Amino acid sequence: MNDLRKIFETDAAAIAGGKDEPGARKLVRERVFEQVRKAIVEGRIAPGTRLTERELCEAFGISRTVVRE
């Protein structure tokens, strides 16, 4: 679980702070999705890694509803 927190440490800070591209308003779920996808593509998350709802919520500091969406 701590691994996901480390992987998404800077991503979670950006999401929590609402920092995004200027003029672009995105929902939290969209920003989380993009960060998870980016981590997979960049190889920060190994293939076959199990991503649980609880771990993602804790890593990003968001509610379960956002992850479910």
C-alpha atoms as a PDB file:
ATOM      1  CA  MET A   1       0.000   0.000   0.000  1.00  0.00           C
ATOM      2  CA  ASN A   2       2.811   2.387   0.831  1.00  0.00           C
ATOM      3  CA  ASP A   3       4.117   1.753  -2.669  1.00  0.00           C
ATOM      4  CA  LEU A   4       1.059   3.394  -4.214  1.00  0.00           C
ATOM      5  CA  ARG A   5       1.399   6.358  -1.873  1.00  0.00           C
ATOM      6  CA  LYS A   6       4.990   6.802  -3.038  1.00  0.00           C
ATOM      7  CA  ILE A   7       4.045   6.399  -6.698  1.00  0.00           C
ATOM      8  CA  PHE A   8       1.248   8.950  -6.507  1.00  0.00           C
ATOM      9  CA  GLU A   9       2.768  11.319  -3.938  1.00  0.00           C
ATOM     10  CA  THR A  10       3.187  14.283  -6.275  1.00  0.00           C
ATOM     11  CA  ASP A  11       0.118  13.371  -8.325  1.00  0.00           C
ATOM     12  CA  ALA A  12      -2.080  13.370  -5.211  1.00  0.00           C
ATOM     13  CA  ALA A  13      -0.797  16.797  -4.204  1.00  0.00           C
ATOM     14  CA  ALA A  14      -1.678  18.203  -7.616  1.00  0.00           C
ATOM     15  CA  ILE A  15      -5.141  16.668  -7.532  1.00  0.00           C
ATOM     16  CA  ALA A  16      -5.864  17.867  -4.008  1.00  0.00           C
ATOM     17  CA  GLY A  17      -4.686  21.360  -4.854  1.00  0.00           C
ATOM     18  CA  GLY A  18      -6.631  21.438  -8.093  1.00  0.00           C
ATOM     19  CA  LYS A  19      -3.458  22.267 -10.005  1.00  0.00           C
ATOM     20  CA  ASP A  20      -4.033  21.570 -13.626  1.00  0.00           C
ATOM     21  CA  GLU A  21      -3.375  23.175 -16.948  1.00  0.00           C
ATOM     22  CA  PRO A  22      -4.442  26.820 -16.979  1.00  0.00           C
ATOM     23  CA  GLY A  23      -8.010  27.251 -18.091  1.00  0.00           C
ATOM     24  CA  ALA A  24      -8.723  23.538 -18.035  1.00  0.00           C
ATOM     25  CA  ARG A  25     -11.347  22.483 -15.514  1.00  0.00           C
ATOM     26  CA  LYS A  26     -11.486  18.767 -14.905  1.00  0.00           C
ATOM     27  CA  LEU A  27     -13.342  16.654 -12.427  1.00  0.00           C
ATOM     28  CA  VAL A  28     -11.319  14.948  -9.717  1.00  0.00           C
ATOM     29  CA  ARG A  29     -12.217  11.547 -11.170  1.00  0.00           C
ATOM     30  CA  GLU A  30     -10.792  12.586 -14.542  1.00  0.00           C
ATOM     31  CA  ARG A  31      -7.549  13.803 -12.975  1.00  0.00           C
ATOM     32  CA  VAL A  32      -7.201  10.597 -10.937  1.00  0.00           C
ATOM     33  CA  PHE A  33      -7.880   8.454 -14.008  1.00  0.00           C
ATOM     34  CA  GLU A  34      -5.250  10.350 -15.993  1.00  0.00           C
ATOM     35  CA  GLN A  35      -2.643   9.996 -13.237  1.00  0.00           C
ATOM     36  CA  VAL A  36      -3.245   6.252 -12.844  1.00  0.00           C
ATOM     37  CA  ARG A  37      -3.125   5.749 -16.605  1.00  0.00           C
ATOM     38  CA  LYS A  38       0.061   7.830 -16.853  1.00  0.00           C
ATOM     39  CA  ALA A  39       1.722   5.790 -14.089  1.00  0.00           C
ATOM     40  CA  ILE A  40       0.895   2.564 -15.924  1.00  0.00           C
ATOM     41  CA  VAL A  41       2.132   3.850 -19.289  1.00  0.00           C
ATOM     42  CA  GLU A  42       5.350   5.220 -17.763  1.00  0.00           C
ATOM     43  CA  GLY A  43       6.006   1.921 -16.001  1.00  0.00           C
ATOM     44  CA  ARG A  44       5.739   3.303 -12.462  1.00  0.00           C
ATOM     45  CA  ILE A  45       3.103   0.625 -11.845  1.00  0.00           C
ATOM     46  CA  ALA A  46       4.261  -2.841 -12.836  1.00  0.00           C
ATOM     47  CA  PRO A  47       2.103  -4.982 -15.121  1.00  0.00           C
ATOM     48  CA  GLY A  48      -0.266  -7.168 -13.142  1.00  0.00           C
ATOM     49  CA  THR A  49      -0.192  -4.918 -10.070  1.00  0.00           C
ATOM     50  CA  ARG A  50      -3.458  -5.125  -8.190  1.00  0.00           C
ATOM     51  CA  LEU A  51      -4.958  -1.682  -7.596  1.00  0.00           C
ATOM     52  CA  THR A  52      -7.596  -1.789  -4.896  1.00  0.00           C
ATOM     53  CA  GLU A  53     -10.209   0.854  -4.291  1.00  0.00           C
ATOM     54  CA  ARG A  54      -9.029   1.389  -0.720  1.00  0.00           C
ATOM     55  CA  GLU A  55      -5.373   1.819  -1.697  1.00  0.00           C
ATOM     56  CA  LEU A  56      -6.183   4.318  -4.441  1.00  0.00           C
ATOM     57  CA  CYS A  57      -8.400   6.311  -2.066  1.00  0.00           C
ATOM     58  CA  GLU A  58      -5.664   6.488   0.529  1.00  0.00           C
ATOM     59  CA  ALA A  59      -2.936   7.267  -2.016  1.00  0.00           C
ATOM     60  CA  PHE A  60      -4.873  10.199  -3.501  1.00  0.00           C
ATOM     61  CA  GLY A  61      -6.716  11.272  -0.362  1.00  0.00           C
ATOM     62  CA  ILE A  62     -10.109  10.966  -2.057  1.00  0.00           C
ATOM     63  CA  SER A  63     -13.397   9.227  -1.318  1.00  0.00           C
ATOM     64  CA  ARG A  64     -14.387   5.788  -2.582  1.00  0.00           C
ATOM     65  CA  THR A  65     -17.123   7.326  -4.715  1.00  0.00           C
ATOM     66  CA  VAL A  66     -14.554   9.142  -6.856  1.00  0.00           C
ATOM     67  CA  VAL A  67     -12.615   5.928  -7.441  1.00  0.00           C
ATOM     68  CA  ARG A  68     -15.775   4.039  -8.347  1.00  0.00           C
ATOM     69  CA  GLU A  69     -16.722   6.633 -10.947  1.00  0.00           C
END
